[in-house]
């Protein structure tokens, strides 16, 4: 198997620990129904909490001492209907209340109003791609790697590597990197992770890779799937 990996890939340690950067900006997205309807796309200041950024952009009602978002612009959570607001940072489902997450430069804060009847937790989504490869979670980043399983896929792999800022080197191990697997199988773009900041594993087939390389925004706001 041929591999493209980031320099220093063997090191499992997270980079950027203890960052206190407050300059720069982040993105704020608000959607509903798993990203099918886009309500807001905005740029916000880094250094504030995710809750502060949201409250400055839209009308928010909270509960549990201001730590839980009950409604955004009049769209309220419905326990009986099993619908609520969920938020992601750089594609990861957040592990803390929005009042406890400080936005870092480049972060993508994404709120989505959806049903949780069949799926309560979604650990990671693809719709913020090329995140989390670029900015990680909570200011901590991992090395990025491309792994491809056919020599003929190497040109696509190198193109994808540029999107996620991976460097073309050969490595026997991928360690704890965030990895994008390019496979010759015709599969849509998907992602898995054990939780926020944990290694992310993205998988994509050649047809979806061609579309993604032509227009990376095609995957925006999707939970999964790009053929």
Protein backbone atom coordinates (compact mmCIF):
# COMPACT_ATOMS: atom_id res chain seq x y z
CA UNK A 1 0.00 0.00 0.00
CA UNK A 2 1.32 3.43 -0.90
CA UNK A 3 1.04 6.26 1.55
CA UNK A 4 1.24 10.01 1.63
CA UNK A 5 1.73 11.35 5.12
CA UNK A 6 2.57 14.53 6.93
CA UNK A 7 6.09 15.14 8.16
CA UNK A 8 6.46 13.99 11.70
CA UNK A 9 3.61 11.57 11.22
CA UNK A 10 5.01 8.96 13.56
CA UNK A 11 4.68 11.33 16.48
CA UNK A 12 1.34 10.72 18.14
CA UNK A 13 1.41 13.84 20.27
CA UNK A 14 -1.11 16.55 19.54
CA UNK A 15 0.23 19.88 18.36
CA UNK A 16 -0.85 23.26 19.63
CA UNK A 17 -1.52 22.26 23.23
CA UNK A 18 -2.31 25.13 25.54
CA UNK A 19 -2.93 27.65 22.78
CA UNK A 20 -4.35 30.96 23.93
CA UNK A 21 -4.69 32.62 20.53
CA UNK A 22 -7.55 35.08 20.36
CA UNK A 23 -6.85 36.90 17.10
CA UNK A 24 -8.33 35.85 13.81
CA UNK A 25 -11.76 34.60 12.87
CA UNK A 26 -13.92 31.51 12.84
CA UNK A 27 -16.97 30.45 10.84
CA UNK A 28 -20.51 30.08 12.17
CA UNK A 29 -23.05 27.93 10.35
CA UNK A 30 -26.67 27.28 11.28
CA UNK A 31 -28.65 24.63 9.41
CA UNK A 32 -31.48 22.22 9.95
CA UNK A 33 -32.38 18.65 8.96
CA UNK A 34 -28.82 17.36 8.73
CA UNK A 35 -27.64 20.34 6.74
CA UNK A 36 -30.35 20.19 4.08
CA UNK A 37 -31.54 23.72 4.86
CA UNK A 38 -28.93 26.43 5.40
CA UNK A 39 -30.09 29.23 7.71
CA UNK A 40 -26.89 31.16 8.35
CA UNK A 41 -23.28 31.36 7.19
CA UNK A 42 -21.26 34.00 9.01
CA UNK A 43 -17.75 34.96 10.06
CA UNK A 44 -17.19 35.55 13.79
CA UNK A 45 -14.29 36.54 16.01
CA UNK A 46 -12.09 33.87 17.51
CA UNK A 47 -11.34 34.04 21.23
CA UNK A 48 -14.97 34.12 22.34
CA UNK A 49 -17.05 31.14 23.32
CA UNK A 50 -19.20 29.29 20.83
CA UNK A 51 -22.25 30.48 22.77
CA UNK A 52 -21.17 34.12 22.61
CA UNK A 53 -20.63 33.89 18.86
CA UNK A 54 -24.05 32.31 18.38
CA UNK A 55 -25.84 34.85 20.58
CA UNK A 56 -24.32 37.75 18.67
CA UNK A 57 -25.51 36.36 15.35
CA UNK A 58 -29.01 35.03 16.10
CA UNK A 59 -31.72 35.09 18.75
CA UNK A 60 -30.99 32.32 21.23
CA UNK A 61 -32.96 30.91 24.15
CA UNK A 62 -31.10 28.70 26.60
CA UNK A 63 -31.81 26.38 29.51
CA UNK A 64 -29.82 24.68 32.27
CA UNK A 65 -28.20 27.90 33.41
CA UNK A 66 -27.47 29.15 29.92
CA UNK A 67 -25.44 26.11 28.89
CA UNK A 68 -28.00 24.35 26.68
CA UNK A 69 -29.43 25.90 23.50
CA UNK A 70 -33.19 25.53 23.55
CA UNK A 71 -34.05 27.57 20.46
CA UNK A 72 -32.43 29.55 17.66
CA UNK A 73 -34.45 32.26 15.93
CA UNK A 74 -37.67 30.71 17.24
CA UNK A 75 -36.90 27.14 16.20
CA UNK A 76 -37.16 25.21 19.46
CA UNK A 77 -36.13 21.80 20.63
CA UNK A 78 -39.02 19.35 20.88
CA UNK A 79 -38.47 16.46 23.28
CA UNK A 80 -41.76 14.81 22.34
CA UNK A 81 -40.88 15.06 18.66
CA UNK A 82 -37.27 14.11 19.39
CA UNK A 83 -35.79 17.13 17.65
CA UNK A 84 -33.08 19.37 19.07
CA UNK A 85 -30.12 21.59 18.29
CA UNK A 86 -26.73 19.90 18.06
CA UNK A 87 -23.40 21.54 17.35
CA UNK A 88 -20.11 20.54 15.80
CA UNK A 89 -16.69 22.14 15.76
CA UNK A 90 -14.59 21.37 12.70
CA UNK A 91 -16.83 18.39 12.00
CA UNK A 92 -16.57 16.87 15.48
CA UNK A 93 -19.69 16.64 17.63
CA UNK A 94 -18.82 18.88 20.59
CA UNK A 95 -18.13 17.27 23.95
CA UNK A 96 -19.00 20.33 26.04
CA UNK A 97 -21.57 23.09 26.23
CA UNK A 98 -21.17 25.99 23.84
CA UNK A 99 -20.47 28.30 26.80
CA UNK A 100 -17.42 26.17 27.61
CA UNK A 101 -15.85 25.99 24.14
CA UNK A 102 -13.54 28.83 23.11
CA UNK A 103 -13.31 29.38 19.38
CA UNK A 104 -9.84 29.24 17.85
CA UNK A 105 -8.79 30.87 14.58
CA UNK A 106 -10.08 28.84 11.65
CA UNK A 107 -12.68 26.90 13.65
CA UNK A 108 -16.01 26.03 12.03
CA UNK A 109 -18.87 26.22 14.56
CA UNK A 110 -21.87 24.45 13.06
CA UNK A 111 -25.34 24.21 14.63
CA UNK A 112 -27.88 21.83 13.14
CA UNK A 113 -31.50 21.28 14.15
CA UNK A 114 -32.40 17.64 13.52
CA UNK A 115 -34.26 14.58 14.65
CA UNK A 116 -32.52 12.28 17.10
CA UNK A 117 -35.19 9.60 16.93
CA UNK A 118 -32.92 7.10 15.18
CA UNK A 119 -29.49 8.59 15.88
CA UNK A 120 -28.73 10.59 18.99
CA UNK A 121 -24.98 11.04 18.62
CA UNK A 122 -23.04 11.66 15.41
CA UNK A 123 -19.37 11.76 16.47
CA UNK A 124 -18.10 13.29 13.23
CA UNK A 125 -19.49 14.62 9.95
CA UNK A 126 -17.86 15.38 6.60
CA UNK A 127 -19.59 18.69 5.93
CA UNK A 128 -16.84 20.93 7.31
CA UNK A 129 -14.13 19.34 5.11
CA UNK A 130 -11.17 19.95 4.92
CA UNK A 131 -11.74 20.12 8.67
CA UNK A 132 -10.72 18.64 11.05
CA UNK A 133 -7.48 18.13 9.11
CA UNK A 134 -6.56 21.82 9.23
CA UNK A 135 -7.57 23.04 12.69
CA UNK A 136 -8.37 19.94 14.76
CA UNK A 137 -10.37 20.48 17.93
CA UNK A 138 -10.01 22.90 20.85
CA UNK A 139 -6.87 24.39 19.32
CA UNK A 140 -5.09 21.03 19.08
CA UNK A 141 -4.22 19.57 15.71
CA UNK A 142 -2.99 16.22 14.45
CA UNK A 143 -0.76 15.35 11.54
CA UNK A 144 -2.69 14.72 8.31
CA UNK A 145 -2.17 11.72 6.04
CA UNK A 146 -3.40 10.33 2.74
CA UNK A 147 -3.42 6.57 2.24
CA UNK A 148 -4.24 5.11 -1.19
CA UNK A 149 -4.49 1.48 -2.27
CA UNK A 150 -3.69 1.65 -5.99
CA UNK A 151 -0.82 3.20 -7.95
CA UNK A 152 -3.32 4.70 -10.37
CA UNK A 153 -4.83 6.76 -7.57
CA UNK A 154 -1.60 8.58 -6.77
CA UNK A 155 -2.44 11.78 -8.74
CA UNK A 156 -5.77 12.09 -6.93
CA UNK A 157 -4.08 11.33 -3.62
CA UNK A 158 -1.61 14.14 -4.14
CA UNK A 159 -4.42 16.54 -5.00
CA UNK A 160 -6.34 15.58 -1.88
CA UNK A 161 -3.14 15.88 0.12
CA UNK A 162 -2.91 19.54 -0.84
CA UNK A 163 -6.45 20.15 0.44
CA UNK A 164 -5.66 18.73 3.87
CA UNK A 165 -2.07 20.03 4.00
CA UNK A 166 -0.46 16.59 4.00
CA UNK A 167 3.13 16.27 2.78
CA UNK A 168 4.12 13.55 0.32
CA UNK A 169 6.46 11.21 2.19
CA UNK A 170 6.61 7.46 2.60
CA UNK A 171 5.86 6.01 6.03
CA UNK A 172 5.27 2.55 7.39
CA UNK A 173 2.97 3.82 10.11
CA UNK A 174 0.31 6.49 10.23
CA UNK A 175 0.31 6.73 14.01
CA UNK A 176 -2.45 8.87 15.44
CA UNK A 177 -2.84 11.09 12.40
CA UNK A 178 -6.11 12.22 10.88
CA UNK A 179 -6.27 10.05 7.76
CA UNK A 180 -8.06 10.30 4.43
CA UNK A 181 -8.20 6.86 2.80
CA UNK A 182 -8.54 6.94 -1.00
CA UNK A 183 -9.72 3.52 -2.15
CA UNK A 184 -10.33 2.10 -5.61
CA UNK A 185 -13.76 0.92 -4.40
CA UNK A 186 -16.65 3.12 -5.52
CA UNK A 187 -17.67 4.45 -2.11
CA UNK A 188 -19.01 7.86 -1.04
CA UNK A 189 -17.12 10.15 1.30
CA UNK A 190 -17.66 9.13 4.92
CA UNK A 191 -15.95 9.69 8.26
CA UNK A 192 -15.57 7.98 11.62
CA UNK A 193 -14.00 8.98 14.93
CA UNK A 194 -14.27 7.93 18.55
CA UNK A 195 -14.84 11.50 19.70
CA UNK A 196 -13.74 15.14 19.61
CA UNK A 197 -10.03 15.48 18.93
CA UNK A 198 -9.56 11.74 18.45
CA UNK A 199 -8.06 10.50 15.17
CA UNK A 200 -10.47 10.99 12.28
CA UNK A 201 -10.73 8.43 9.50
CA UNK A 202 -12.21 9.64 6.22
CA UNK A 203 -12.82 7.23 3.31
CA UNK A 204 -13.48 8.22 -0.30
CA UNK A 205 -13.66 6.49 -3.69
CA UNK A 206 -12.22 7.81 -6.98
CA UNK A 207 -15.49 9.14 -8.40
CA UNK A 208 -16.25 11.14 -5.26
CA UNK A 209 -12.62 12.25 -5.11
CA UNK A 210 -12.85 13.70 -8.63
CA UNK A 211 -15.90 15.74 -7.63
CA UNK A 212 -14.31 16.87 -4.38
CA UNK A 213 -11.13 18.00 -6.12
CA UNK A 214 -13.16 19.91 -8.71
CA UNK A 215 -15.18 21.71 -6.02
CA UNK A 216 -14.42 21.09 -2.32
CA UNK A 217 -17.58 23.01 -1.38
CA UNK A 218 -19.77 20.22 -2.77
CA UNK A 219 -19.46 18.38 0.54
CA UNK A 220 -20.33 21.39 2.69
CA UNK A 221 -23.13 20.90 5.25
CA UNK A 222 -23.35 17.14 4.60
CA UNK A 223 -23.30 14.62 7.42
CA UNK A 224 -21.93 12.02 5.00
CA UNK A 225 -22.03 11.00 1.38
CA UNK A 226 -20.57 12.45 -1.81
CA UNK A 227 -20.44 10.14 -4.78
